[in-house]
Every structure is written in C-alpha cells, then in structure tokens.
Amino acid sequence: MPKVLIVDDMQAILVLYHAMFSSRGFDVVTASNGNDCIRFAKRERPDIILLDVMMPKMDGGQTAALLLEDPQTRDIPIIFLTSMVSEEEAMISNSRPGGRQFISKSAPPETIVAKVRETIGG
C-alpha cells in the first residue's frame, strides 16, 4: 500500500485529502507544519509528500529544502500543493515550475491522485 504524507496548515484540507487518498487504497499520514513534515518523513518513510506552498513559520519551499538536504528524506518525491494557481495554469506550465512538480488544490480528486500515482510509479 503506497504511503502519502500530506502537509497543510488548514485542517479542512488535511481531512479532505486524507479521505480522498485513504478511500483509494493509500496509507495516509498528515502534518500541519514544516517541522512535523520533516519529523514524520523520517519516521514514516512515505512514498511521496504533498506539501502546501504557503504555511506560517516554515513554508513549503523551506521545508522541501531541508528534506532535500537530509540523506534520510532527499529521495522522497515532493509535489507542491497550491491555491495560488488554477488547474489550467498548472497544466500550461507543465506542472514543473522551477523543476518542481506542483498541482492546484482546485484540481479534481482524480487528477491529484493520478499525479501521485504517476510520480511514484504506481
């Protein structure tokens, strides 16, 4: 069973994404901030991390940089979640601005799950 770590400072998003992925056969771990993300990534060894871009204290970019510096977590794929772009804008930019994958929070659940499966090869 693939494991996904979902990181967002909004509880409603965590609940929504937890239901979306667990109902599709994923093992789901959630975190509400960058520090917990790093701790859970080391402990849980997820297959992928869905990481909110805009979070207080430590944003998604800072969190990703720390994950990439650590040998225990640097090989875990990260997809950034953002409400700053629409699904269409994400598709136009080939979902990889600056070499990073990202997906709009407004994308349909099937699109989000398909992107995760594609990224982890399953």
C-alpha atoms as a PDB file:
ATOM      1  CA  MET A   1       0.000   0.000   0.000  1.00  0.00           C
ATOM      2  CA  PRO A   2       1.605   3.312  -1.030  1.00  0.00           C
ATOM      3  CA  LYS A   3       2.080   5.849   1.742  1.00  0.00           C
ATOM      4  CA  VAL A   4       1.466   9.563   1.240  1.00  0.00           C
ATOM      5  CA  LEU A   5       2.392  12.346   3.671  1.00  0.00           C
ATOM      6  CA  ILE A   6       0.058  15.317   3.279  1.00  0.00           C
ATOM      7  CA  VAL A   7       1.231  18.635   4.738  1.00  0.00           C
ATOM      8  CA  ASP A   8      -1.063  21.649   5.034  1.00  0.00           C
ATOM      9  CA  ASP A   9      -1.751  24.218   7.748  1.00  0.00           C
ATOM     10  CA  MET A  10      -5.502  24.080   7.064  1.00  0.00           C
ATOM     11  CA  GLN A  11      -7.252  21.253   8.899  1.00  0.00           C
ATOM     12  CA  ALA A  12     -10.070  21.117   6.315  1.00  0.00           C
ATOM     13  CA  ILE A  13      -7.557  20.350   3.547  1.00  0.00           C
ATOM     14  CA  LEU A  14      -5.940  17.609   5.634  1.00  0.00           C
ATOM     15  CA  VAL A  15      -9.332  15.993   6.289  1.00  0.00           C
ATOM     16  CA  LEU A  16     -10.350  16.234   2.621  1.00  0.00           C
ATOM     17  CA  TYR A  17      -7.083  14.826   1.265  1.00  0.00           C
ATOM     18  CA  HIS A  18      -6.930  12.121   3.934  1.00  0.00           C
ATOM     19  CA  ALA A  19     -10.366  10.873   2.861  1.00  0.00           C
ATOM     20  CA  MET A  20      -9.505  11.213  -0.826  1.00  0.00           C
ATOM     21  CA  PHE A  21      -6.352   9.092  -0.597  1.00  0.00           C
ATOM     22  CA  SER A  22      -7.386   6.563   2.047  1.00  0.00           C
ATOM     23  CA  SER A  23     -10.530   5.714   0.048  1.00  0.00           C
ATOM     24  CA  ARG A  24      -8.269   4.933  -2.914  1.00  0.00           C
ATOM     25  CA  GLY A  25      -6.011   2.487  -1.074  1.00  0.00           C
ATOM     26  CA  PHE A  26      -3.279   4.772   0.242  1.00  0.00           C
ATOM     27  CA  ASP A  27      -1.821   4.747   3.724  1.00  0.00           C
ATOM     28  CA  VAL A  28      -2.096   8.407   4.776  1.00  0.00           C
ATOM     29  CA  VAL A  29      -0.063  10.453   7.254  1.00  0.00           C
ATOM     30  CA  THR A  30      -0.818  14.147   7.811  1.00  0.00           C
ATOM     31  CA  ALA A  31       1.163  17.052   9.212  1.00  0.00           C
ATOM     32  CA  SER A  32       0.134  20.661   9.773  1.00  0.00           C
ATOM     33  CA  ASN A  33       3.548  22.348   9.551  1.00  0.00           C
ATOM     34  CA  GLY A  34       7.034  22.008   8.127  1.00  0.00           C
ATOM     35  CA  ASN A  35       8.667  20.765  11.321  1.00  0.00           C
ATOM     36  CA  ASP A  36       6.162  17.929  11.687  1.00  0.00           C
ATOM     37  CA  CYS A  37       6.576  17.137   7.999  1.00  0.00           C
ATOM     38  CA  ILE A  38      10.306  16.620   8.422  1.00  0.00           C
ATOM     39  CA  ARG A  39       9.858  14.541  11.579  1.00  0.00           C
ATOM     40  CA  PHE A  40       7.115  12.374  10.061  1.00  0.00           C
ATOM     41  CA  ALA A  41       9.023  11.936   6.783  1.00  0.00           C
ATOM     42  CA  LYS A  42      11.969  10.478   8.709  1.00  0.00           C
ATOM     43  CA  ARG A  43       9.786   8.271  10.897  1.00  0.00           C
ATOM     44  CA  GLU A  44       7.123   7.146   8.396  1.00  0.00           C
ATOM     45  CA  ARG A  45       9.210   6.950   5.185  1.00  0.00           C
ATOM     46  CA  PRO A  46       6.344   7.913   2.845  1.00  0.00           C
ATOM     47  CA  ASP A  47       6.449   7.132  -0.861  1.00  0.00           C
ATOM     48  CA  ILE A  48       5.553  10.755  -1.637  1.00  0.00           C
ATOM     49  CA  ILE A  49       4.922  14.081   0.107  1.00  0.00           C
ATOM     50  CA  LEU A  50       2.157  16.509  -0.872  1.00  0.00           C
ATOM     51  CA  LEU A  51       3.421  19.803   0.508  1.00  0.00           C
ATOM     52  CA  ASP A  52       1.479  23.045   0.838  1.00  0.00           C
ATOM     53  CA  VAL A  53       3.408  26.022  -0.516  1.00  0.00           C
ATOM     54  CA  MET A  54       2.042  28.703   1.817  1.00  0.00           C
ATOM     55  CA  MET A  55       2.405  27.846   5.505  1.00  0.00           C
ATOM     56  CA  PRO A  56       3.323  30.019   8.508  1.00  0.00           C
ATOM     57  CA  LYS A  57       6.779  29.852  10.131  1.00  0.00           C
ATOM     58  CA  MET A  58       8.296  27.442   7.593  1.00  0.00           C
ATOM     59  CA  ASP A  59       6.790  27.489   4.098  1.00  0.00           C
ATOM     60  CA  GLY A  60       6.776  24.626   1.637  1.00  0.00           C
ATOM     61  CA  GLY A  61       9.939  25.775  -0.127  1.00  0.00           C
ATOM     62  CA  GLN A  62      11.917  25.929   3.111  1.00  0.00           C
ATOM     63  CA  THR A  63      10.552  22.557   4.205  1.00  0.00           C
ATOM     64  CA  ALA A  64      11.436  20.964   0.858  1.00  0.00           C
ATOM     65  CA  ALA A  65      14.970  22.386   1.021  1.00  0.00           C
ATOM     66  CA  LEU A  66      15.512  20.773   4.430  1.00  0.00           C
ATOM     67  CA  LEU A  67      14.070  17.462   3.216  1.00  0.00           C
ATOM     68  CA  LEU A  68      16.396  17.516   0.206  1.00  0.00           C
ATOM     69  CA  GLU A  69      19.449  18.186   2.391  1.00  0.00           C
ATOM     70  CA  ASP A  70      18.810  15.161   4.609  1.00  0.00           C
ATOM     71  CA  PRO A  71      20.033  11.754   3.336  1.00  0.00           C
ATOM     72  CA  GLN A  72      17.046  10.087   5.057  1.00  0.00           C
ATOM     73  CA  THR A  73      14.470  12.122   3.120  1.00  0.00           C
ATOM     74  CA  ARG A  74      16.110  13.507  -0.014  1.00  0.00           C
ATOM     75  CA  ASP A  75      14.838  10.756  -2.303  1.00  0.00           C
ATOM     76  CA  ILE A  76      11.176  11.138  -1.335  1.00  0.00           C
ATOM     77  CA  PRO A  77       9.294  12.789  -4.228  1.00  0.00           C
ATOM     78  CA  ILE A  78       7.536  16.057  -3.383  1.00  0.00           C
ATOM     79  CA  ILE A  79       4.539  17.582  -5.117  1.00  0.00           C
ATOM     80  CA  PHE A  80       3.707  21.100  -4.043  1.00  0.00           C
ATOM     81  CA  LEU A  81       0.054  21.918  -3.393  1.00  0.00           C
ATOM     82  CA  THR A  82      -1.038  25.456  -4.078  1.00  0.00           C
ATOM     83  CA  SER A  83      -4.161  27.512  -4.323  1.00  0.00           C
ATOM     84  CA  MET A  84      -2.144  30.285  -5.987  1.00  0.00           C
ATOM     85  CA  VAL A  85      -2.648  28.850  -9.490  1.00  0.00           C
ATOM     86  CA  SER A  86      -5.564  27.255 -11.230  1.00  0.00           C
ATOM     87  CA  GLU A  87      -5.552  23.742 -12.619  1.00  0.00           C
ATOM     88  CA  GLU A  88      -5.246  25.222 -16.126  1.00  0.00           C
ATOM     89  CA  GLU A  89      -2.192  27.310 -15.168  1.00  0.00           C
ATOM     90  CA  ALA A  90      -0.555  24.234 -13.646  1.00  0.00           C
ATOM     91  CA  MET A  91      -1.136  22.294 -16.864  1.00  0.00           C
ATOM     92  CA  ILE A  92       0.134  25.133 -19.080  1.00  0.00           C
ATOM     93  CA  SER A  93       3.384  25.367 -17.116  1.00  0.00           C
ATOM     94  CA  ASN A  94       3.785  21.585 -17.496  1.00  0.00           C
ATOM     95  CA  SER A  95       3.355  21.199 -13.713  1.00  0.00           C
ATOM     96  CA  ARG A  96       7.068  21.797 -13.123  1.00  0.00           C
ATOM     97  CA  PRO A  97       7.870  25.451 -12.494  1.00  0.00           C
ATOM     98  CA  GLY A  98      11.490  25.736 -11.491  1.00  0.00           C
ATOM     99  CA  GLY A  99      11.851  21.976 -11.990  1.00  0.00           C
ATOM    100  CA  ARG A 100       9.364  21.225  -9.193  1.00  0.00           C
ATOM    101  CA  GLN A 101       6.083  19.425  -9.556  1.00  0.00           C
ATOM    102  CA  PHE A 102       3.056  21.234  -8.290  1.00  0.00           C
ATOM    103  CA  ILE A 103      -0.669  20.816  -8.513  1.00  0.00           C
ATOM    104  CA  SER A 104      -3.524  23.178  -7.888  1.00  0.00           C
ATOM    105  CA  LYS A 105      -5.679  22.472  -4.857  1.00  0.00           C
ATOM    106  CA  SER A 106      -8.640  23.169  -7.155  1.00  0.00           C
ATOM    107  CA  ALA A 107      -7.804  20.184  -9.378  1.00  0.00           C
ATOM    108  CA  PRO A 108     -10.346  17.342  -9.343  1.00  0.00           C
ATOM    109  CA  PRO A 109      -9.523  14.496  -6.920  1.00  0.00           C
ATOM    110  CA  GLU A 110      -8.943  12.089  -9.815  1.00  0.00           C
ATOM    111  CA  THR A 111      -6.298  14.425 -11.259  1.00  0.00           C
ATOM    112  CA  ILE A 112      -4.489  14.750  -7.933  1.00  0.00           C
ATOM    113  CA  VAL A 113      -4.496  11.001  -7.271  1.00  0.00           C
ATOM    114  CA  ALA A 114      -3.383  10.269 -10.856  1.00  0.00           C
ATOM    115  CA  LYS A 115      -0.448  12.714 -10.487  1.00  0.00           C
ATOM    116  CA  VAL A 116       0.609  10.998  -7.262  1.00  0.00           C
ATOM    117  CA  ARG A 117       0.359   7.514  -8.784  1.00  0.00           C
ATOM    118  CA  GLU A 118       2.299   8.663 -11.850  1.00  0.00           C
ATOM    119  CA  THR A 119       5.040  10.185  -9.697  1.00  0.00           C
ATOM    120  CA  ILE A 120       5.528   7.110  -7.515  1.00  0.00           C
ATOM    121  CA  GLY A 121       5.197   4.731 -10.434  1.00  0.00           C
ATOM    122  CA  GLY A 122       2.058   3.007  -9.301  1.00  0.00           C
END
